[in-house]
Amino acid sequence: MIKTLNIAFDLVDFRYYIGATDFGTEGYWYWVHSGQNLIFTNWKVNEPRGRFYENCAWKLGIGVQYKWIDISCAEPAAYLCEKDGK
């Protein structure tokens, strides 16, 4: 699955919301859809920066090796969705 996603990102070097946030408790990152803690992370160096207004995680494109950054949830960006494999 990860390999498939990376191929898609190769086609468009863009930023995507990935559905992770630390809204409510700064520094406590969890998945919005389930409320579960992040087990895997791929933060860019010096990220997340811990600013109170940067509560959403973006996945960056190939130019920065698909790393994550924290950003304001009000920033316009595309998003990734999880689909049930059934």
C-alpha atoms as a PDB file:
ATOM      1  CA  MET A   1       0.000   0.000   0.000  1.00  0.00           C
ATOM      2  CA  ILE A   2       2.754   2.495   0.926  1.00  0.00           C
ATOM      3  CA  LYS A   3       4.551   1.773  -2.341  1.00  0.00           C
ATOM      4  CA  THR A   4       1.356   2.465  -4.302  1.00  0.00           C
ATOM      5  CA  LEU A   5       0.875   5.792  -2.521  1.00  0.00           C
ATOM      6  CA  ASN A   6       4.452   6.852  -3.211  1.00  0.00           C
ATOM      7  CA  ILE A   7       4.013   6.127  -6.924  1.00  0.00           C
ATOM      8  CA  ALA A   8       0.967   8.406  -6.933  1.00  0.00           C
ATOM      9  CA  PHE A   9       2.961  11.143  -5.207  1.00  0.00           C
ATOM     10  CA  ASP A  10       5.686  10.841  -7.842  1.00  0.00           C
ATOM     11  CA  LEU A  11       3.128  11.938 -10.427  1.00  0.00           C
ATOM     12  CA  VAL A  12       2.200  15.121  -8.591  1.00  0.00           C
ATOM     13  CA  ASP A  13       4.706  16.759  -6.250  1.00  0.00           C
ATOM     14  CA  PHE A  14       2.113  18.258  -3.950  1.00  0.00           C
ATOM     15  CA  ARG A  15       1.074  18.579  -0.315  1.00  0.00           C
ATOM     16  CA  TYR A  16      -1.698  16.478   1.156  1.00  0.00           C
ATOM     17  CA  TYR A  17      -3.533  16.390   4.447  1.00  0.00           C
ATOM     18  CA  ILE A  18      -3.118  12.902   5.874  1.00  0.00           C
ATOM     19  CA  GLY A  19      -5.733  12.977   8.631  1.00  0.00           C
ATOM     20  CA  ALA A  20      -3.432  13.374  11.639  1.00  0.00           C
ATOM     21  CA  THR A  21      -3.797  16.167  14.182  1.00  0.00           C
ATOM     22  CA  ASP A  22      -2.684  17.303  17.616  1.00  0.00           C
ATOM     23  CA  PHE A  23      -5.718  19.548  18.087  1.00  0.00           C
ATOM     24  CA  GLY A  24      -6.732  19.636  21.731  1.00  0.00           C
ATOM     25  CA  THR A  25      -3.395  18.571  23.229  1.00  0.00           C
ATOM     26  CA  GLU A  26      -0.268  20.096  21.736  1.00  0.00           C
ATOM     27  CA  GLY A  27       2.263  17.423  20.784  1.00  0.00           C
ATOM     28  CA  TYR A  28      -0.177  14.499  21.128  1.00  0.00           C
ATOM     29  CA  TRP A  29      -0.675  13.363  17.520  1.00  0.00           C
ATOM     30  CA  TYR A  30      -3.566  11.077  16.614  1.00  0.00           C
ATOM     31  CA  TRP A  31      -5.675  10.019  13.618  1.00  0.00           C
ATOM     32  CA  VAL A  32      -8.835  12.093  13.252  1.00  0.00           C
ATOM     33  CA  HIS A  33     -10.970   9.186  11.999  1.00  0.00           C
ATOM     34  CA  SER A  34     -10.170   6.818  14.876  1.00  0.00           C
ATOM     35  CA  GLY A  35      -8.647   8.890  17.683  1.00  0.00           C
ATOM     36  CA  GLN A  36      -5.743   6.419  17.845  1.00  0.00           C
ATOM     37  CA  ASN A  37      -2.161   7.552  18.489  1.00  0.00           C
ATOM     38  CA  LEU A  38       0.189   7.692  15.547  1.00  0.00           C
ATOM     39  CA  ILE A  39       2.330   4.566  15.601  1.00  0.00           C
ATOM     40  CA  PHE A  40       4.299   5.354  12.442  1.00  0.00           C
ATOM     41  CA  THR A  41       5.525   8.880  11.735  1.00  0.00           C
ATOM     42  CA  ASN A  42       7.681  10.335   9.000  1.00  0.00           C
ATOM     43  CA  TRP A  43       8.324  13.892  10.212  1.00  0.00           C
ATOM     44  CA  LYS A  44      10.674  16.172   8.307  1.00  0.00           C
ATOM     45  CA  VAL A  45      13.696  17.333  10.340  1.00  0.00           C
ATOM     46  CA  ASN A  46      12.628  19.888  12.983  1.00  0.00           C
ATOM     47  CA  GLU A  47       8.956  18.911  12.610  1.00  0.00           C
ATOM     48  CA  PRO A  48       6.506  19.002  14.167  1.00  0.00           C
ATOM     49  CA  ARG A  49       7.407  22.450  15.371  1.00  0.00           C
ATOM     50  CA  GLY A  50       4.900  22.517  18.192  1.00  0.00           C
ATOM     51  CA  ARG A  51       3.102  25.728  17.363  1.00  0.00           C
ATOM     52  CA  PHE A  52      -0.407  25.903  18.751  1.00  0.00           C
ATOM     53  CA  TYR A  53      -1.898  26.968  15.411  1.00  0.00           C
ATOM     54  CA  GLU A  54      -0.233  24.142  13.428  1.00  0.00           C
ATOM     55  CA  ASN A  55      -2.492  21.235  14.268  1.00  0.00           C
ATOM     56  CA  CYS A  56      -2.735  19.264  11.026  1.00  0.00           C
ATOM     57  CA  ALA A  57      -0.178  17.028   9.328  1.00  0.00           C
ATOM     58  CA  TRP A  58       0.710  17.286   5.644  1.00  0.00           C
ATOM     59  CA  LYS A  59       2.588  14.740   3.605  1.00  0.00           C
ATOM     60  CA  LEU A  60       4.972  16.475   1.235  1.00  0.00           C
ATOM     61  CA  GLY A  61       5.898  15.165  -2.210  1.00  0.00           C
ATOM     62  CA  ILE A  62       8.982  13.599  -3.706  1.00  0.00           C
ATOM     63  CA  GLY A  63      11.043  16.800  -3.431  1.00  0.00           C
ATOM     64  CA  VAL A  64      11.344  16.233   0.319  1.00  0.00           C
ATOM     65  CA  GLN A  65      11.126  12.436   0.284  1.00  0.00           C
ATOM     66  CA  TYR A  66       7.470  12.240   1.374  1.00  0.00           C
ATOM     67  CA  LYS A  67       8.183  13.707   4.811  1.00  0.00           C
ATOM     68  CA  TRP A  68       5.493  15.150   7.075  1.00  0.00           C
ATOM     69  CA  ILE A  69       5.134  18.671   8.450  1.00  0.00           C
ATOM     70  CA  ASP A  70       2.629  20.237  10.807  1.00  0.00           C
ATOM     71  CA  ILE A  71       0.654  23.124   9.382  1.00  0.00           C
ATOM     72  CA  SER A  72      -2.451  25.168  10.100  1.00  0.00           C
ATOM     73  CA  CYS A  73      -5.622  23.218   9.347  1.00  0.00           C
ATOM     74  CA  ALA A  74      -6.896  26.310   7.494  1.00  0.00           C
ATOM     75  CA  GLU A  75      -4.233  26.021   4.770  1.00  0.00           C
ATOM     76  CA  PRO A  76      -5.703  24.881   1.447  1.00  0.00           C
ATOM     77  CA  ALA A  77      -4.462  21.487   0.312  1.00  0.00           C
ATOM     78  CA  ALA A  78      -5.592  18.209  -1.167  1.00  0.00           C
ATOM     79  CA  TYR A  79      -6.222  15.291   1.162  1.00  0.00           C
ATOM     80  CA  LEU A  80      -5.810  11.545   1.292  1.00  0.00           C
ATOM     81  CA  CYS A  81      -8.612   9.225   2.297  1.00  0.00           C
ATOM     82  CA  GLU A  82      -8.485   5.710   3.653  1.00  0.00           C
ATOM     83  CA  LYS A  83     -10.769   3.238   1.926  1.00  0.00           C
ATOM     84  CA  ASP A  84     -11.915  -0.029   3.398  1.00  0.00           C
ATOM     85  CA  GLY A  85     -10.465  -2.850   1.294  1.00  0.00           C
ATOM     86  CA  LYS A  86     -13.687  -4.872   1.395  1.00  0.00           C
END
